[in-house]
Amino acid sequence: LIVLLIKLVVEEYINHITPYHFRFTLDSGLSSMLARAPWHRE
């Protein structure tokens, strides 16, 4: 349920806010791609 909520936040809620043609997704590999980002903190 927690991950379902996060997915809805990214794929429905944030995509509704942005007027972009690109649609953000919670890809299965997204976290591994971003895990080394400097903002990936507590």
Full PDB file with SEQRES, HELIX, SHEET, SSBOND, CRYST1, ORIGX, SCALE, CONECT and MASTER records, all heavy atoms in Angstrom:
SEQRES   1 A   42  LEU ILE VAL LEU LEU ILE LYS LEU VAL VAL GLU GLU TYR          
SEQRES   2 A   42  ILE ASN HIS ILE THR PRO TYR HIS PHE ARG PHE THR LEU          
SEQRES   3 A   42  ASP SER GLY LEU SER SER MET LEU ALA ARG ALA PRO TRP          
SEQRES   4 A   42  HIS ARG GLU                                                  
HELIX    1 AA1 ILE A    2  LEU A    8  1                                   7    
HELIX    2 AA2 VAL A    9  ILE A   14  3                                   6    
HELIX    3 AA3 ASN A   15  ILE A   17  1                                   3    
HELIX    4 AA4 LEU A   30  LEU A   34  1                                   5    
CRYST1    1.000    1.000    1.000  90.00  90.00  90.00 P 1           1          
ORIGX1      1.000000  0.000000  0.000000        0.00000                         
ORIGX2      0.000000  1.000000  0.000000        0.00000                         
ORIGX3      0.000000  0.000000  1.000000        0.00000                         
SCALE1      1.000000  0.000000  0.000000        0.00000                         
SCALE2      0.000000  1.000000  0.000000        0.00000                         
SCALE3      0.000000  0.000000  1.000000        0.00000                         
ATOM      1  N   LEU A   1       0.819  -1.213   0.000  1.00  0.00           N  
ATOM      2  CA  LEU A   1       0.000   0.000   0.000  1.00  0.00           C  
ATOM      3  C   LEU A   1       0.853   1.264   0.000  1.00  0.00           C  
ATOM      4  O   LEU A   1       0.519   2.253  -0.668  1.00  0.00           O  
ATOM      5  CB  LEU A   1      -0.949  -0.008   1.198  1.00  0.00           C  
ATOM      6  CG  LEU A   1      -2.357  -0.563   1.005  1.00  0.00           C  
ATOM      7  CD1 LEU A   1      -3.225   0.379   0.200  1.00  0.00           C  
ATOM      8  CD2 LEU A   1      -2.331  -1.938   0.369  1.00  0.00           C  
ATOM      9  N   ILE A   2       1.946   1.279   0.740  1.00  0.00           N  
ATOM     10  CA  ILE A   2       2.804   2.465   0.784  1.00  0.00           C  
ATOM     11  C   ILE A   2       3.391   2.752  -0.594  1.00  0.00           C  
ATOM     12  O   ILE A   2       3.400   3.894  -1.067  1.00  0.00           O  
ATOM     13  CB  ILE A   2       3.911   2.301   1.844  1.00  0.00           C  
ATOM     14  CG1 ILE A   2       3.303   2.346   3.253  1.00  0.00           C  
ATOM     15  CG2 ILE A   2       4.976   3.387   1.693  1.00  0.00           C  
ATOM     16  CD1 ILE A   2       4.284   1.975   4.362  1.00  0.00           C  
ATOM     17  N   VAL A   3       3.874   1.710  -1.274  1.00  0.00           N  
ATOM     18  CA  VAL A   3       4.453   1.918  -2.602  1.00  0.00           C  
ATOM     19  C   VAL A   3       3.368   2.252  -3.623  1.00  0.00           C  
ATOM     20  O   VAL A   3       3.596   3.057  -4.538  1.00  0.00           O  
ATOM     21  CB  VAL A   3       5.289   0.707  -3.030  1.00  0.00           C  
ATOM     22  CG1 VAL A   3       5.748   0.832  -4.475  1.00  0.00           C  
ATOM     23  CG2 VAL A   3       6.504   0.575  -2.119  1.00  0.00           C  
ATOM     24  N   LEU A   4       2.177   1.677  -3.461  1.00  0.00           N  
ATOM     25  CA  LEU A   4       1.059   2.079  -4.321  1.00  0.00           C  
ATOM     26  C   LEU A   4       0.813   3.574  -4.221  1.00  0.00           C  
ATOM     27  O   LEU A   4       0.596   4.255  -5.234  1.00  0.00           O  
ATOM     28  CB  LEU A   4      -0.217   1.331  -3.916  1.00  0.00           C  
ATOM     29  CG  LEU A   4      -0.551   0.005  -4.582  1.00  0.00           C  
ATOM     30  CD1 LEU A   4      -1.915  -0.472  -4.111  1.00  0.00           C  
ATOM     31  CD2 LEU A   4      -0.525   0.129  -6.087  1.00  0.00           C  
ATOM     32  N   LEU A   5       0.828   4.116  -2.994  1.00  0.00           N  
ATOM     33  CA  LEU A   5       0.617   5.545  -2.812  1.00  0.00           C  
ATOM     34  C   LEU A   5       1.722   6.350  -3.491  1.00  0.00           C  
ATOM     35  O   LEU A   5       1.444   7.334  -4.185  1.00  0.00           O  
ATOM     36  CB  LEU A   5       0.548   5.892  -1.319  1.00  0.00           C  
ATOM     37  CG  LEU A   5       0.473   7.386  -0.984  1.00  0.00           C  
ATOM     38  CD1 LEU A   5      -0.723   8.043  -1.659  1.00  0.00           C  
ATOM     39  CD2 LEU A   5       0.421   7.606   0.524  1.00  0.00           C  
ATOM     40  N   ILE A   6       2.977   5.943  -3.301  1.00  0.00           N  
ATOM     41  CA  ILE A   6       4.086   6.669  -3.936  1.00  0.00           C  
ATOM     42  C   ILE A   6       3.939   6.639  -5.457  1.00  0.00           C  
ATOM     43  O   ILE A   6       4.170   7.650  -6.141  1.00  0.00           O  
ATOM     44  CB  ILE A   6       5.434   6.067  -3.505  1.00  0.00           C  
ATOM     45  CG1 ILE A   6       5.648   6.276  -2.001  1.00  0.00           C  
ATOM     46  CG2 ILE A   6       6.581   6.696  -4.289  1.00  0.00           C  
ATOM     47  CD1 ILE A   6       6.848   5.538  -1.442  1.00  0.00           C  
ATOM     48  N   LYS A   7       3.522   5.511  -5.985  1.00  0.00           N  
ATOM     49  CA  LYS A   7       3.335   5.417  -7.438  1.00  0.00           C  
ATOM     50  C   LYS A   7       2.246   6.366  -7.912  1.00  0.00           C  
ATOM     51  O   LYS A   7       2.385   7.041  -8.941  1.00  0.00           O  
ATOM     52  CB  LYS A   7       2.990   3.977  -7.826  1.00  0.00           C  
ATOM     53  CG  LYS A   7       2.961   3.775  -9.333  1.00  0.00           C  
ATOM     54  CD  LYS A   7       2.766   2.328  -9.712  1.00  0.00           C  
ATOM     55  CE  LYS A   7       2.854   2.178 -11.235  1.00  0.00           C  
ATOM     56  NZ  LYS A   7       2.580   0.791 -11.672  1.00  0.00           N  
ATOM     57  N   LEU A   8       1.139   6.448  -7.182  1.00  0.00           N  
ATOM     58  CA  LEU A   8       0.065   7.367  -7.549  1.00  0.00           C  
ATOM     59  C   LEU A   8       0.531   8.814  -7.461  1.00  0.00           C  
ATOM     60  O   LEU A   8       0.139   9.660  -8.273  1.00  0.00           O  
ATOM     61  CB  LEU A   8      -1.149   7.148  -6.658  1.00  0.00           C  
ATOM     62  CG  LEU A   8      -1.865   5.805  -6.805  1.00  0.00           C  
ATOM     63  CD1 LEU A   8      -2.955   5.666  -5.758  1.00  0.00           C  
ATOM     64  CD2 LEU A   8      -2.446   5.639  -8.207  1.00  0.00           C  
ATOM     65  N   VAL A   9       1.363   9.112  -6.469  1.00  0.00           N  
ATOM     66  CA  VAL A   9       1.892  10.473  -6.328  1.00  0.00           C  
ATOM     67  C   VAL A   9       2.716  10.848  -7.552  1.00  0.00           C  
ATOM     68  O   VAL A   9       2.570  11.937  -8.111  1.00  0.00           O  
ATOM     69  CB  VAL A   9       2.729  10.598  -5.036  1.00  0.00           C  
ATOM     70  CG1 VAL A   9       3.530  11.898  -5.032  1.00  0.00           C  
ATOM     71  CG2 VAL A   9       1.822  10.536  -3.812  1.00  0.00           C  
ATOM     72  N   VAL A  10       3.593   9.946  -7.985  1.00  0.00           N  
ATOM     73  CA  VAL A  10       4.460  10.240  -9.129  1.00  0.00           C  
ATOM     74  C   VAL A  10       3.683  10.223 -10.439  1.00  0.00           C  
ATOM     75  O   VAL A  10       3.780  11.151 -11.254  1.00  0.00           O  
ATOM     76  CB  VAL A  10       5.635   9.243  -9.188  1.00  0.00           C  
ATOM     77  CG1 VAL A  10       6.451   9.434 -10.474  1.00  0.00           C  
ATOM     78  CG2 VAL A  10       6.542   9.411  -7.973  1.00  0.00           C  
ATOM     79  N   GLU A  11       2.891   9.178 -10.665  1.00  0.00           N  
ATOM     80  CA  GLU A  11       2.333   8.944 -11.988  1.00  0.00           C  
ATOM     81  C   GLU A  11       0.990   9.618 -12.243  1.00  0.00           C  
ATOM     82  O   GLU A  11       0.624   9.805 -13.413  1.00  0.00           O  
ATOM     83  CB  GLU A  11       2.223   7.435 -12.239  1.00  0.00           C  
ATOM     84  CG  GLU A  11       3.591   6.755 -12.232  1.00  0.00           C  
ATOM     85  CD  GLU A  11       3.558   5.345 -12.780  1.00  0.00           C  
ATOM     86  OE1 GLU A  11       2.466   4.867 -13.163  1.00  0.00           O  
ATOM     87  OE2 GLU A  11       4.629   4.712 -12.823  1.00  0.00           O  
ATOM     88  N   GLU A  12       0.268   9.984 -11.185  1.00  0.00           N  
ATOM     89  CA  GLU A  12      -1.003  10.683 -11.403  1.00  0.00           C  
ATOM     90  C   GLU A  12      -0.959  12.099 -10.855  1.00  0.00           C  
ATOM     91  O   GLU A  12      -1.256  13.062 -11.572  1.00  0.00           O  
ATOM     92  CB  GLU A  12      -2.160   9.905 -10.765  1.00  0.00           C  
ATOM     93  CG  GLU A  12      -3.524  10.532 -11.059  1.00  0.00           C  
ATOM     94  CD  GLU A  12      -4.690   9.649 -10.669  1.00  0.00           C  
ATOM     95  OE1 GLU A  12      -4.505   8.728  -9.843  1.00  0.00           O  
ATOM     96  OE2 GLU A  12      -5.804   9.887 -11.174  1.00  0.00           O  
ATOM     97  N   TYR A  13      -0.555  12.248  -9.613  1.00  0.00           N  
ATOM     98  CA  TYR A  13      -0.592  13.552  -8.944  1.00  0.00           C  
ATOM     99  C   TYR A  13       0.441  14.525  -9.533  1.00  0.00           C  
ATOM    100  O   TYR A  13       0.094  15.630  -9.962  1.00  0.00           O  
ATOM    101  CB  TYR A  13      -0.347  13.325  -7.457  1.00  0.00           C  
ATOM    102  CG  TYR A  13      -0.211  14.548  -6.601  1.00  0.00           C  
ATOM    103  CD1 TYR A  13      -1.323  15.329  -6.276  1.00  0.00           C  
ATOM    104  CD2 TYR A  13       1.017  14.915  -6.071  1.00  0.00           C  
ATOM    105  CE1 TYR A  13      -1.202  16.438  -5.469  1.00  0.00           C  
ATOM    106  CE2 TYR A  13       1.145  16.017  -5.251  1.00  0.00           C  
ATOM    107  CZ  TYR A  13       0.039  16.777  -4.959  1.00  0.00           C  
ATOM    108  OH  TYR A  13       0.172  17.870  -4.150  1.00  0.00           O  
ATOM    109  N   ILE A  14       1.717  14.119  -9.594  1.00  0.00           N  
ATOM    110  CA  ILE A  14       2.744  15.023 -10.133  1.00  0.00           C  
ATOM    111  C   ILE A  14       2.533  15.247 -11.626  1.00  0.00           C  
ATOM    112  O   ILE A  14       2.684  16.372 -12.124  1.00  0.00           O  
ATOM    113  CB  ILE A  14       4.158  14.478  -9.839  1.00  0.00           C  
ATOM    114  CG1 ILE A  14       4.446  14.566  -8.336  1.00  0.00           C  
ATOM    115  CG2 ILE A  14       5.223  15.243 -10.622  1.00  0.00           C  
ATOM    116  CD1 ILE A  14       5.794  14.018  -7.907  1.00  0.00           C  
ATOM    117  N   ASN A  15       2.147  14.221 -12.351  1.00  0.00           N  
ATOM    118  CA  ASN A  15       1.882  14.409 -13.780  1.00  0.00           C  
ATOM    119  C   ASN A  15       0.684  15.318 -14.030  1.00  0.00           C  
ATOM    120  O   ASN A  15       0.620  15.979 -15.074  1.00  0.00           O  
ATOM    121  CB  ASN A  15       1.657  13.056 -14.465  1.00  0.00           C  
ATOM    122  CG  ASN A  15       2.958  12.348 -14.781  1.00  0.00           C  
ATOM    123  OD1 ASN A  15       3.975  12.988 -15.035  1.00  0.00           O  
ATOM    124  ND2 ASN A  15       2.952  11.031 -14.763  1.00  0.00           N  
ATOM    125  N   HIS A  16      -0.241  15.355 -13.086  1.00  0.00           N  
ATOM    126  CA  HIS A  16      -1.343  16.306 -13.229  1.00  0.00           C  
ATOM    127  C   HIS A  16      -0.858  17.740 -13.021  1.00  0.00           C  
ATOM    128  O   HIS A  16      -1.278  18.659 -13.734  1.00  0.00           O  
ATOM    129  CB  HIS A  16      -2.454  15.994 -12.221  1.00  0.00           C  
ATOM    130  CG  HIS A  16      -3.511  17.057 -12.166  1.00  0.00           C  
ATOM    131  ND1 HIS A  16      -4.406  17.268 -13.188  1.00  0.00           N  
ATOM    132  CD2 HIS A  16      -3.790  18.007 -11.231  1.00  0.00           C  
ATOM    133  CE1 HIS A  16      -5.201  18.290 -12.875  1.00  0.00           C  
ATOM    134  NE2 HIS A  16      -4.837  18.752 -11.695  1.00  0.00           N  
ATOM    135  N   ILE A  17       0.028  17.939 -12.071  1.00  0.00           N  
ATOM    136  CA  ILE A  17       0.527  19.287 -11.768  1.00  0.00           C  
ATOM    137  C   ILE A  17       1.345  19.845 -12.927  1.00  0.00           C  
ATOM    138  O   ILE A  17       1.200  21.010 -13.309  1.00  0.00           O  
ATOM    139  CB  ILE A  17       1.371  19.264 -10.479  1.00  0.00           C  
ATOM    140  CG1 ILE A  17       0.481  18.983  -9.257  1.00  0.00           C  
ATOM    141  CG2 ILE A  17       2.110  20.597 -10.285  1.00  0.00           C  
ATOM    142  CD1 ILE A  17       1.250  18.804  -7.966  1.00  0.00           C  
ATOM    143  N   THR A  18       2.231  19.027 -13.493  1.00  0.00           N  
ATOM    144  CA  THR A  18       3.110  19.527 -14.547  1.00  0.00           C  
ATOM    145  C   THR A  18       2.371  19.590 -15.877  1.00  0.00           C  
ATOM    146  O   THR A  18       1.597  18.688 -16.197  1.00  0.00           O  
ATOM    147  CB  THR A  18       4.351  18.638 -14.704  1.00  0.00           C  
ATOM    148  OG1 THR A  18       3.942  17.335 -15.102  1.00  0.00           O  
ATOM    149  CG2 THR A  18       5.122  18.557 -13.395  1.00  0.00           C  
ATOM    150  N   PRO A  19       2.616  20.626 -16.678  1.00  0.00           N  
ATOM    151  CA  PRO A  19       1.970  20.728 -17.992  1.00  0.00           C  
ATOM    152  C   PRO A  19       2.803  20.095 -19.104  1.00  0.00           C  
ATOM    153  O   PRO A  19       2.623  20.405 -20.275  1.00  0.00           O  
ATOM    154  CB  PRO A  19       1.870  22.248 -18.184  1.00  0.00           C  
ATOM    155  CG  PRO A  19       3.080  22.789 -17.507  1.00  0.00           C  
ATOM    156  CD  PRO A  19       3.361  21.861 -16.334  1.00  0.00           C  
ATOM    157  N   TYR A  20       3.719  19.187 -18.752  1.00  0.00           N  
ATOM    158  CA  TYR A  20       4.671  18.644 -19.719  1.00  0.00           C  
ATOM    159  C   TYR A  20       4.061  17.526 -20.564  1.00  0.00           C  
ATOM    160  O   TYR A  20       3.130  16.835 -20.135  1.00  0.00           O  
ATOM    161  CB  TYR A  20       5.914  18.098 -19.009  1.00  0.00           C  
ATOM    162  CG  TYR A  20       6.609  19.092 -18.117  1.00  0.00           C  
ATOM    163  CD1 TYR A  20       7.368  18.670 -17.044  1.00  0.00           C  
ATOM    164  CD2 TYR A  20       6.495  20.467 -18.348  1.00  0.00           C  
ATOM    165  CE1 TYR A  20       8.014  19.569 -16.220  1.00  0.00           C  
ATOM    166  CE2 TYR A  20       7.135  21.375 -17.528  1.00  0.00           C  
ATOM    167  CZ  TYR A  20       7.888  20.928 -16.459  1.00  0.00           C  
ATOM    168  OH  TYR A  20       8.519  21.823 -15.642  1.00  0.00           O  
ATOM    169  N   HIS A  21       4.646  17.301 -21.730  1.00  0.00           N  
ATOM    170  CA  HIS A  21       4.247  16.173 -22.567  1.00  0.00           C  
ATOM    171  C   HIS A  21       4.902  14.880 -22.093  1.00  0.00           C  
ATOM    172  O   HIS A  21       4.402  13.796 -22.394  1.00  0.00           O  
ATOM    173  CB  HIS A  21       4.618  16.444 -24.029  1.00  0.00           C  
ATOM    174  CG  HIS A  21       3.891  17.610 -24.624  1.00  0.00           C  
ATOM    175  ND1 HIS A  21       2.538  17.807 -24.451  1.00  0.00           N  
ATOM    176  CD2 HIS A  21       4.330  18.654 -25.386  1.00  0.00           C  
ATOM    177  CE1 HIS A  21       2.170  18.914 -25.081  1.00  0.00           C  
ATOM    178  NE2 HIS A  21       3.236  19.440 -25.652  1.00  0.00           N  
ATOM    179  N   PHE A  22       6.014  14.980 -21.378  1.00  0.00           N  
ATOM    180  CA  PHE A  22       6.657  13.796 -20.814  1.00  0.00           C  
ATOM    181  C   PHE A  22       5.943  13.416 -19.526  1.00  0.00           C  
ATOM    182  O   PHE A  22       5.688  14.260 -18.668  1.00  0.00           O  
ATOM    183  CB  PHE A  22       8.136  14.058 -20.527  1.00  0.00           C  
ATOM    184  CG  PHE A  22       8.882  12.838 -20.073  1.00  0.00           C  
ATOM    185  CD1 PHE A  22       9.422  11.968 -21.007  1.00  0.00           C  
ATOM    186  CD2 PHE A  22       9.014  12.531 -18.722  1.00  0.00           C  
ATOM    187  CE1 PHE A  22      10.099  10.813 -20.596  1.00  0.00           C  
ATOM    188  CE2 PHE A  22       9.681  11.395 -18.306  1.00  0.00           C  
ATOM    189  CZ  PHE A  22      10.225  10.531 -19.246  1.00  0.00           C  
ATOM    190  N   ARG A  23       5.630  12.130 -19.392  1.00  0.00           N  
ATOM    191  CA  ARG A  23       4.915  11.645 -18.217  1.00  0.00           C  
ATOM    192  C   ARG A  23       5.885  10.903 -17.314  1.00  0.00           C  
ATOM    193  O   ARG A  23       6.496   9.898 -17.714  1.00  0.00           O  
ATOM    194  CB  ARG A  23       3.792  10.689 -18.649  1.00  0.00           C  
ATOM    195  CG  ARG A  23       2.826  11.264 -19.657  1.00  0.00           C  
ATOM    196  CD  ARG A  23       1.844  12.211 -19.055  1.00  0.00           C  
ATOM    197  NE  ARG A  23       0.882  11.517 -18.211  1.00  0.00           N  
ATOM    198  CZ  ARG A  23      -0.103  12.136 -17.574  1.00  0.00           C  
ATOM    199  NH1 ARG A  23      -0.223  13.445 -17.640  1.00  0.00           N  
ATOM    200  NH2 ARG A  23      -0.942  11.447 -16.834  1.00  0.00           N  
ATOM    201  N   PHE A  24       6.042  11.373 -16.078  1.00  0.00           N  
ATOM    202  CA  PHE A  24       6.950  10.741 -15.123  1.00  0.00           C  
ATOM    203  C   PHE A  24       6.377   9.397 -14.673  1.00  0.00           C  
ATOM    204  O   PHE A  24       5.161   9.235 -14.533  1.00  0.00           O  
ATOM    205  CB  PHE A  24       7.174  11.644 -13.915  1.00  0.00           C  
ATOM    206  CG  PHE A  24       7.867  12.923 -14.263  1.00  0.00           C  
ATOM    207  CD1 PHE A  24       7.171  14.123 -14.305  1.00  0.00           C  
ATOM    208  CD2 PHE A  24       9.223  12.944 -14.555  1.00  0.00           C  
ATOM    209  CE1 PHE A  24       7.802  15.306 -14.641  1.00  0.00           C  
ATOM    210  CE2 PHE A  24       9.867  14.122 -14.883  1.00  0.00           C  
ATOM    211  CZ  PHE A  24       9.161  15.301 -14.928  1.00  0.00           C  
ATOM    212  N   THR A  25       7.276   8.455 -14.421  1.00  0.00           N  
ATOM    213  CA  THR A  25       6.858   7.124 -13.983  1.00  0.00           C  
ATOM    214  C   THR A  25       7.725   6.655 -12.814  1.00  0.00           C  
ATOM    215  O   THR A  25       8.853   7.122 -12.636  1.00  0.00           O  
ATOM    216  CB  THR A  25       6.969   6.093 -15.118  1.00  0.00           C  
ATOM    217  OG1 THR A  25       8.332   6.049 -15.583  1.00  0.00           O  
ATOM    218  CG2 THR A  25       6.046   6.434 -16.269  1.00  0.00           C  
ATOM    219  N   LEU A  26       7.180   5.726 -12.041  1.00  0.00           N  
ATOM    220  CA  LEU A  26       7.942   5.075 -10.979  1.00  0.00           C  
ATOM    221  C   LEU A  26       8.504   3.779 -11.556  1.00  0.00           C  
ATOM    222  O   LEU A  26       8.019   2.690 -11.279  1.00  0.00           O  
ATOM    223  CB  LEU A  26       7.061   4.804  -9.760  1.00  0.00           C  
ATOM    224  CG  LEU A  26       7.798   4.373  -8.486  1.00  0.00           C  
ATOM    225  CD1 LEU A  26       8.636   5.508  -7.934  1.00  0.00           C  
ATOM    226  CD2 LEU A  26       6.811   3.891  -7.434  1.00  0.00           C  
ATOM    227  N   ASP A  27       9.527   3.914 -12.385  1.00  0.00           N  
ATOM    228  CA  ASP A  27      10.140   2.744 -13.019  1.00  0.00           C  
ATOM    229  C   ASP A  27      10.778   1.847 -11.967  1.00  0.00           C  
ATOM    230  O   ASP A  27      11.299   2.331 -10.951  1.00  0.00           O  
ATOM    231  CB  ASP A  27      11.210   3.179 -14.011  1.00  0.00           C  
ATOM    232  CG  ASP A  27      10.619   3.861 -15.244  1.00  0.00           C  
ATOM    233  OD1 ASP A  27       9.423   3.688 -15.514  1.00  0.00           O  
ATOM    234  OD2 ASP A  27      11.366   4.582 -15.912  1.00  0.00           O  
ATOM    235  N   SER A  28      10.817   0.551 -12.252  1.00  0.00           N  
ATOM    236  CA  SER A  28      11.404  -0.385 -11.298  1.00  0.00           C  
ATOM    237  C   SER A  28      12.883  -0.102 -11.061  1.00  0.00           C  
ATOM    238  O   SER A  28      13.403  -0.361  -9.971  1.00  0.00           O  
ATOM    239  CB  SER A  28      11.216  -1.826 -11.795  1.00  0.00           C  
ATOM    240  OG  SER A  28      11.803  -1.985 -13.083  1.00  0.00           O  
ATOM    241  N   GLY A  29      13.563   0.443 -12.066  1.00  0.00           N  
ATOM    242  CA  GLY A  29      14.984   0.725 -11.909  1.00  0.00           C  
ATOM    243  C   GLY A  29      15.298   2.153 -11.527  1.00  0.00           C  
ATOM    244  O   GLY A  29      16.482   2.534 -11.479  1.00  0.00           O  
ATOM    245  N   LEU A  30      14.274   2.955 -11.240  1.00  0.00           N  
ATOM    246  CA  LEU A  30      14.501   4.380 -10.975  1.00  0.00           C  
ATOM    247  C   LEU A  30      15.383   4.598  -9.756  1.00  0.00           C  
ATOM    248  O   LEU A  30      16.323   5.407  -9.783  1.00  0.00           O  
ATOM    249  CB  LEU A  30      13.156   5.089 -10.796  1.00  0.00           C  
ATOM    250  CG  LEU A  30      13.200   6.597 -10.574  1.00  0.00           C  
ATOM    251  CD1 LEU A  30      13.825   7.304 -11.766  1.00  0.00           C  
ATOM    252  CD2 LEU A  30      11.787   7.143 -10.327  1.00  0.00           C  
ATOM    253  N   SER A  31      15.111   3.881  -8.674  1.00  0.00           N  
ATOM    254  CA  SER A  31      15.871   4.097  -7.444  1.00  0.00           C  
ATOM    255  C   SER A  31      17.345   3.751  -7.628  1.00  0.00           C  
ATOM    256  O   SER A  31      18.226   4.447  -7.115  1.00  0.00           O  
ATOM    257  CB  SER A  31      15.288   3.273  -6.300  1.00  0.00           C  
ATOM    258  OG  SER A  31      14.062   3.816  -5.879  1.00  0.00           O  
ATOM    259  N   SER A  32      17.637   2.668  -8.364  1.00  0.00           N  
ATOM    260  CA  SER A  32      19.042   2.309  -8.574  1.00  0.00           C  
ATOM    261  C   SER A  32      19.748   3.351  -9.417  1.00  0.00           C  
ATOM    262  O   SER A  32      20.943   3.614  -9.224  1.00  0.00           O  
ATOM    263  CB  SER A  32      19.143   0.929  -9.227  1.00  0.00           C  
ATOM    264  OG  SER A  32      18.463   0.898 -10.467  1.00  0.00           O  
ATOM    265  N   MET A  33      19.034   3.977 -10.347  1.00  0.00           N  
ATOM    266  CA  MET A  33      19.632   5.028 -11.168  1.00  0.00           C  
ATOM    267  C   MET A  33      19.914   6.283 -10.362  1.00  0.00           C  
ATOM    268  O   MET A  33      20.838   7.030 -10.659  1.00  0.00           O  
ATOM    269  CB  MET A  33      18.723   5.352 -12.356  1.00  0.00           C  
ATOM    270  CG  MET A  33      18.791   4.342 -13.482  1.00  0.00           C  
ATOM    271  SD  MET A  33      17.893   4.913 -14.950  1.00  0.00           S  
ATOM    272  CE  MET A  33      16.372   4.016 -14.780  1.00  0.00           C  
ATOM    273  N   LEU A  34      19.093   6.529  -9.333  1.00  0.00           N  
ATOM    274  CA  LEU A  34      19.197   7.779  -8.583  1.00  0.00           C  
ATOM    275  C   LEU A  34      19.856   7.605  -7.222  1.00  0.00           C  
ATOM    276  O   LEU A  34      20.062   8.586  -6.511  1.00  0.00           O  
ATOM    277  CB  LEU A  34      17.804   8.382  -8.397  1.00  0.00           C  
ATOM    278  CG  LEU A  34      17.073   8.785  -9.682  1.00  0.00           C  
ATOM    279  CD1 LEU A  34      15.660   9.256  -9.356  1.00  0.00           C  
ATOM    280  CD2 LEU A  34      17.828   9.886 -10.424  1.00  0.00           C  
ATOM    281  N   ALA A  35      20.185   6.378  -6.839  1.00  0.00           N  
ATOM    282  CA  ALA A  35      20.659   6.105  -5.478  1.00  0.00           C  
ATOM    283  C   ALA A  35      21.935   6.869  -5.131  1.00  0.00           C  
ATOM    284  O   ALA A  35      22.179   7.166  -3.962  1.00  0.00           O  
ATOM    285  CB  ALA A  35      20.881   4.609  -5.289  1.00  0.00           C  
ATOM    286  N   ARG A  36      22.776   7.185  -6.129  1.00  0.00           N  
ATOM    287  CA  ARG A  36      24.026   7.885  -5.853  1.00  0.00           C  
ATOM    288  C   ARG A  36      23.895   9.399  -5.962  1.00  0.00           C  
ATOM    289  O   ARG A  36      24.896  10.116  -5.821  1.00  0.00           O  
ATOM    290  CB  ARG A  36      25.111   7.396  -6.816  1.00  0.00           C  
ATOM    291  CG  ARG A  36      25.509   5.943  -6.610  1.00  0.00           C  
ATOM    292  CD  ARG A  36      26.660   5.549  -7.540  1.00  0.00           C  
ATOM    293  NE  ARG A  36      27.057   4.167  -7.340  1.00  0.00           N  
ATOM    294  CZ  ARG A  36      26.497   3.130  -7.953  1.00  0.00           C  
ATOM    295  NH1 ARG A  36      25.505   3.336  -8.800  1.00  0.00           N  
ATOM    296  NH2 ARG A  36      26.903   1.898  -7.725  1.00  0.00           N  
ATOM    297  N   ALA A  37      22.697   9.894  -6.207  1.00  0.00           N  
ATOM    298  CA  ALA A  37      22.500  11.344  -6.314  1.00  0.00           C  
ATOM    299  C   ALA A  37      22.778  12.024  -4.970  1.00  0.00           C  
ATOM    300  O   ALA A  37      22.500  11.444  -3.908  1.00  0.00           O  
ATOM    301  CB  ALA A  37      21.065  11.641  -6.752  1.00  0.00           C  
ATOM    302  N   PRO A  38      23.329  13.230  -4.962  1.00  0.00           N  
ATOM    303  CA  PRO A  38      23.682  13.894  -3.696  1.00  0.00           C  
ATOM    304  C   PRO A  38      22.480  14.193  -2.818  1.00  0.00           C  
ATOM    305  O   PRO A  38      22.638  14.353  -1.604  1.00  0.00           O  
ATOM    306  CB  PRO A  38      24.381  15.182  -4.163  1.00  0.00           C  
ATOM    307  CG  PRO A  38      23.904  15.404  -5.556  1.00  0.00           C  
ATOM    308  CD  PRO A  38      23.698  14.040  -6.136  1.00  0.00           C  
ATOM    309  N   TRP A  39      21.291  14.260  -3.392  1.00  0.00           N  
ATOM    310  CA  TRP A  39      20.096  14.560  -2.602  1.00  0.00           C  
ATOM    311  C   TRP A  39      19.475  13.297  -1.991  1.00  0.00           C  
ATOM    312  O   TRP A  39      18.499  13.396  -1.236  1.00  0.00           O  
ATOM    313  CB  TRP A  39      19.049  15.261  -3.472  1.00  0.00           C  
ATOM    314  CG  TRP A  39      18.746  14.565  -4.769  1.00  0.00           C  
ATOM    315  CD1 TRP A  39      19.277  14.855  -5.997  1.00  0.00           C  
ATOM    316  CD2 TRP A  39      17.848  13.459  -4.987  1.00  0.00           C  
ATOM    317  NE1 TRP A  39      18.787  14.003  -6.956  1.00  0.00           N  
ATOM    318  CE2 TRP A  39      17.901  13.135  -6.359  1.00  0.00           C  
ATOM    319  CE3 TRP A  39      17.013  12.718  -4.155  1.00  0.00           C  
ATOM    320  CZ2 TRP A  39      17.145  12.107  -6.918  1.00  0.00           C  
ATOM    321  CZ3 TRP A  39      16.265  11.685  -4.701  1.00  0.00           C  
ATOM    322  CH2 TRP A  39      16.334  11.396  -6.072  1.00  0.00           C  
ATOM    323  N   HIS A  40      20.014  12.131  -2.311  1.00  0.00           N  
ATOM    324  CA  HIS A  40      19.413  10.875  -1.841  1.00  0.00           C  
ATOM    325  C   HIS A  40      19.816  10.641  -0.385  1.00  0.00           C  
ATOM    326  O   HIS A  40      20.640   9.783  -0.072  1.00  0.00           O  
ATOM    327  CB  HIS A  40      19.849   9.717  -2.726  1.00  0.00           C  
ATOM    328  CG  HIS A  40      18.866   8.584  -2.759  1.00  0.00           C  
ATOM    329  ND1 HIS A  40      18.755   7.666  -1.749  1.00  0.00           N  
ATOM    330  CD2 HIS A  40      17.921   8.243  -3.672  1.00  0.00           C  
ATOM    331  CE1 HIS A  40      17.811   6.796  -2.037  1.00  0.00           C  
ATOM    332  NE2 HIS A  40      17.285   7.117  -3.202  1.00  0.00           N  
ATOM    333  N   ARG A  41      19.222  11.417   0.504  1.00  0.00           N  
ATOM    334  CA  ARG A  41      19.513  11.372   1.936  1.00  0.00           C  
ATOM    335  C   ARG A  41      18.231  11.146   2.721  1.00  0.00           C  
ATOM    336  O   ARG A  41      17.135  11.137   2.177  1.00  0.00           O  
ATOM    337  CB  ARG A  41      20.144  12.704   2.378  1.00  0.00           C  
ATOM    338  CG  ARG A  41      21.406  13.098   1.637  1.00  0.00           C  
ATOM    339  CD  ARG A  41      22.538  12.130   1.911  1.00  0.00           C  
ATOM    340  NE  ARG A  41      23.792  12.555   1.306  1.00  0.00           N  
ATOM    341  CZ  ARG A  41      24.769  13.179   1.942  1.00  0.00           C  
ATOM    342  NH1 ARG A  41      24.651  13.459   3.228  1.00  0.00           N  
ATOM    343  NH2 ARG A  41      25.876  13.522   1.306  1.00  0.00           N  
ATOM    344  N   GLU A  42      18.396  11.008   4.020  1.00  0.00           N  
ATOM    345  CA  GLU A  42      17.249  10.795   4.899  1.00  0.00           C  
ATOM    346  C   GLU A  42      16.249  11.939   4.763  1.00  0.00           C  
ATOM    347  O   GLU A  42      16.622  13.109   4.732  1.00  0.00           O  
ATOM    348  CB  GLU A  42      17.740  10.709   6.346  1.00  0.00           C  
ATOM    349  CG  GLU A  42      16.635  10.422   7.354  1.00  0.00           C  
ATOM    350  CD  GLU A  42      17.170  10.366   8.781  1.00  0.00           C  
ATOM    351  OE1 GLU A  42      18.094  11.144   9.099  1.00  0.00           O  
ATOM    352  OE2 GLU A  42      16.669   9.562   9.559  1.00  0.00           O  
TER     353      GLU A  42                                                      
MASTER        0    0    0    4    0    0    0    6  352    1    0    4          
END                                                                             
